[in-house]
C-alpha atoms as a PDB file:
ATOM      1  CA  UNK A   1      -6.890 -12.444  -2.860  1.00  0.00           C
ATOM      2  CA  UNK A   2      -3.029 -12.963  -1.093  1.00  0.00           C
ATOM      3  CA  UNK A   3      -2.526 -16.300  -2.800  1.00  0.00           C
ATOM      4  CA  UNK A   4      -3.585 -14.622  -6.055  1.00  0.00           C
ATOM      5  CA  UNK A   5      -1.255 -11.591  -5.705  1.00  0.00           C
ATOM      6  CA  UNK A   6       1.717 -14.105  -4.359  1.00  0.00           C
ATOM      7  CA  UNK A   7       1.024 -16.482  -7.785  1.00  0.00           C
ATOM      8  CA  UNK A   8       0.956 -13.427 -10.132  1.00  0.00           C
ATOM      9  CA  UNK A   9       4.158 -12.080  -8.637  1.00  0.00           C
ATOM     10  CA  UNK A  10       6.020 -14.758  -8.882  1.00  0.00           C
ATOM     11  CA  UNK A  11       5.065 -15.733 -12.631  1.00  0.00           C
ATOM     12  CA  UNK A  12       6.005 -11.864 -13.020  1.00  0.00           C
ATOM     13  CA  UNK A  13       9.412 -12.056 -11.926  1.00  0.00           C
ATOM     14  CA  UNK A  14      10.232 -15.504 -13.294  1.00  0.00           C
ATOM     15  CA  UNK A  15       9.305 -13.795 -17.225  1.00  0.00           C
ATOM     16  CA  UNK A  16      11.721 -11.487 -16.254  1.00  0.00           C
ATOM     17  CA  UNK A  17       8.949  -8.412 -16.675  1.00  0.00           C
ATOM     18  CA  UNK A  18      10.319  -6.789 -13.078  1.00  0.00           C
ATOM     19  CA  UNK A  19      13.920  -4.816 -13.980  1.00  0.00           C
ATOM     20  CA  UNK A  20      16.420  -3.839 -11.285  1.00  0.00           C
ATOM     21  CA  UNK A  21      15.530  -0.233 -10.838  1.00  0.00           C
ATOM     22  CA  UNK A  22      11.228  -0.914 -10.705  1.00  0.00           C
ATOM     23  CA  UNK A  23       9.036  -0.191  -7.825  1.00  0.00           C
ATOM     24  CA  UNK A  24       6.290  -1.925  -6.940  1.00  0.00           C
ATOM     25  CA  UNK A  25       3.287  -0.354  -5.116  1.00  0.00           C
ATOM     26  CA  UNK A  26       0.807  -2.415  -4.243  1.00  0.00           C
ATOM     27  CA  UNK A  27      -2.230  -0.604  -3.972  1.00  0.00           C
ATOM     28  CA  UNK A  28      -4.190  -2.961  -1.423  1.00  0.00           C
ATOM     29  CA  UNK A  29      -2.414  -4.745   1.975  1.00  0.00           C
ATOM     30  CA  UNK A  30      -4.061  -8.079   1.360  1.00  0.00           C
ATOM     31  CA  UNK A  31      -2.358  -7.818  -2.277  1.00  0.00           C
ATOM     32  CA  UNK A  32       1.177  -6.679  -0.669  1.00  0.00           C
ATOM     33  CA  UNK A  33       0.875  -9.629   2.065  1.00  0.00           C
ATOM     34  CA  UNK A  34       0.765 -12.245  -1.002  1.00  0.00           C
ATOM     35  CA  UNK A  35       3.210 -10.287  -2.976  1.00  0.00           C
ATOM     36  CA  UNK A  36       5.524 -10.018  -0.295  1.00  0.00           C
ATOM     37  CA  UNK A  37       5.656 -13.602   0.441  1.00  0.00           C
ATOM     38  CA  UNK A  38       6.705 -14.180  -3.233  1.00  0.00           C
ATOM     39  CA  UNK A  39       9.246 -11.020  -2.639  1.00  0.00           C
ATOM     40  CA  UNK A  40      10.722 -13.075   0.511  1.00  0.00           C
ATOM     41  CA  UNK A  41      10.454 -16.862  -1.387  1.00  0.00           C
ATOM     42  CA  UNK A  42      12.406 -14.957  -4.671  1.00  0.00           C
ATOM     43  CA  UNK A  43      15.048 -13.959  -2.784  1.00  0.00           C
ATOM     44  CA  UNK A  44      14.433 -10.085  -3.957  1.00  0.00           C
ATOM     45  CA  UNK A  45      16.187  -7.546  -2.690  1.00  0.00           C
ATOM     46  CA  UNK A  46      13.944  -5.400  -1.405  1.00  0.00           C
ATOM     47  CA  UNK A  47      14.952  -1.855  -1.180  1.00  0.00           C
ATOM     48  CA  UNK A  48      18.553  -2.536  -3.413  1.00  0.00           C
ATOM     49  CA  UNK A  49      17.077  -4.048  -6.590  1.00  0.00           C
ATOM     50  CA  UNK A  50      13.692  -3.738  -6.411  1.00  0.00           C
ATOM     51  CA  UNK A  51      11.793  -1.138  -3.708  1.00  0.00           C
ATOM     52  CA  UNK A  52       8.257  -1.095  -2.197  1.00  0.00           C
ATOM     53  CA  UNK A  53       5.691   1.305  -1.816  1.00  0.00           C
ATOM     54  CA  UNK A  54       2.207   0.275  -0.086  1.00  0.00           C
ATOM     55  CA  UNK A  55      -0.876   1.335   1.402  1.00  0.00           C
ATOM     56  CA  UNK A  56      -2.125   0.030   4.127  1.00  0.00           C
ATOM     57  CA  UNK A  57      -4.847   0.560   6.929  1.00  0.00           C
ATOM     58  CA  UNK A  58      -3.826   2.165  10.587  1.00  0.00           C
ATOM     59  CA  UNK A  59      -3.187  -1.123  12.990  1.00  0.00           C
ATOM     60  CA  UNK A  60      -3.238  -3.680   9.918  1.00  0.00           C
ATOM     61  CA  UNK A  61       0.093  -3.099   8.530  1.00  0.00           C
ATOM     62  CA  UNK A  62       1.382  -6.403   6.020  1.00  0.00           C
ATOM     63  CA  UNK A  63       4.040  -7.778   8.004  1.00  0.00           C
ATOM     64  CA  UNK A  64       7.324  -8.181   6.599  1.00  0.00           C
ATOM     65  CA  UNK A  65      10.550  -7.908   7.812  1.00  0.00           C
ATOM     66  CA  UNK A  66      12.007  -5.034   6.879  1.00  0.00           C
ATOM     67  CA  UNK A  67       9.789  -1.372   7.847  1.00  0.00           C
ATOM     68  CA  UNK A  68       7.751  -0.818   4.823  1.00  0.00           C
ATOM     69  CA  UNK A  69       7.021   2.379   2.899  1.00  0.00           C
ATOM     70  CA  UNK A  70       3.684   3.037   2.777  1.00  0.00           C
ATOM     71  CA  UNK A  71       0.760   5.132   2.283  1.00  0.00           C
ATOM     72  CA  UNK A  72      -1.224   4.754   5.772  1.00  0.00           C
ATOM     73  CA  UNK A  73      -4.646   5.408   5.899  1.00  0.00           C
ATOM     74  CA  UNK A  74      -7.050   5.776   9.323  1.00  0.00           C
ATOM     75  CA  UNK A  75     -10.264   3.975   8.006  1.00  0.00           C
ATOM     76  CA  UNK A  76     -12.340   6.067  10.862  1.00  0.00           C
ATOM     77  CA  UNK A  77     -11.075   8.957  10.207  1.00  0.00           C
ATOM     78  CA  UNK A  78     -11.681   8.426   6.205  1.00  0.00           C
ATOM     79  CA  UNK A  79     -15.314   7.100   6.648  1.00  0.00           C
ATOM     80  CA  UNK A  80     -16.092  10.432   9.209  1.00  0.00           C
ATOM     81  CA  UNK A  81     -14.347  12.139   6.429  1.00  0.00           C
ATOM     82  CA  UNK A  82     -16.176  10.820   3.394  1.00  0.00           C
ATOM     83  CA  UNK A  83     -20.124  10.541   5.998  1.00  0.00           C
ATOM     84  CA  UNK A  84     -19.293  15.045   6.730  1.00  0.00           C
ATOM     85  CA  UNK A  85     -19.030  15.087   2.948  1.00  0.00           C
ATOM     86  CA  UNK A  86     -21.681  13.577   1.645  1.00  0.00           C
ATOM     87  CA  UNK A  87     -24.257  15.263   4.858  1.00  0.00           C
ATOM     88  CA  UNK A  88     -22.472  19.238   3.621  1.00  0.00           C
ATOM     89  CA  UNK A  89     -23.715  18.363   0.047  1.00  0.00           C
ATOM     90  CA  UNK A  90     -27.159  17.334   1.273  1.00  0.00           C
ATOM     91  CA  UNK A  91     -27.160  20.610   3.449  1.00  0.00           C
ATOM     92  CA  UNK A  92     -25.805  22.405   0.112  1.00  0.00           C
ATOM     93  CA  UNK A  93     -22.859  23.410   2.462  1.00  0.00           C
ATOM     94  CA  UNK A  94     -18.950  23.639   1.350  1.00  0.00           C
ATOM     95  CA  UNK A  95     -17.185  20.460   0.722  1.00  0.00           C
ATOM     96  CA  UNK A  96     -13.811  20.874   2.031  1.00  0.00           C
ATOM     97  CA  UNK A  97     -10.664  19.516   0.069  1.00  0.00           C
ATOM     98  CA  UNK A  98      -8.426  18.244   2.891  1.00  0.00           C
ATOM     99  CA  UNK A  99      -7.434  14.652   3.591  1.00  0.00           C
ATOM    100  CA  UNK A 100      -5.631  15.884   7.203  1.00  0.00           C
ATOM    101  CA  UNK A 101      -5.202  12.831   9.254  1.00  0.00           C
ATOM    102  CA  UNK A 102      -6.779  10.562   6.825  1.00  0.00           C
ATOM    103  CA  UNK A 103      -3.598   9.808   4.702  1.00  0.00           C
ATOM    104  CA  UNK A 104       0.457  10.093   5.733  1.00  0.00           C
ATOM    105  CA  UNK A 105       3.244   8.828   4.066  1.00  0.00           C
ATOM    106  CA  UNK A 106       5.454   6.829   6.509  1.00  0.00           C
ATOM    107  CA  UNK A 107       8.783   6.490   5.254  1.00  0.00           C
ATOM    108  CA  UNK A 108      10.418   2.792   5.885  1.00  0.00           C
ATOM    109  CA  UNK A 109      12.995   0.478   4.650  1.00  0.00           C
ATOM    110  CA  UNK A 110      11.782  -0.325   1.386  1.00  0.00           C
ATOM    111  CA  UNK A 111      11.451   3.384  -0.499  1.00  0.00           C
ATOM    112  CA  UNK A 112      13.121   6.671   0.625  1.00  0.00           C
END
């Protein structure tokens, strides 16, 4: 997945499909890692010409020279929340909509 995402992003930049004001949202940390390698290879000015936001699992964030802006998930808390909601459905109890503690936005250098 990392290799494919790197190749796809290299191809996208070479064809000029990405504009200076673009924001790249990587919805998977594995895809992000390949895309970030491609951006480094191309010398793209992240946070200048192109901005980045990625999703990541707590403790398994993609490696990059700048601090990444990301939606950080706690996979253990997410699993616990899903299990609690399934249990509540089976018991015909009210299901809460809160994702407190499951996902947080972390502001980095790659997006305000």
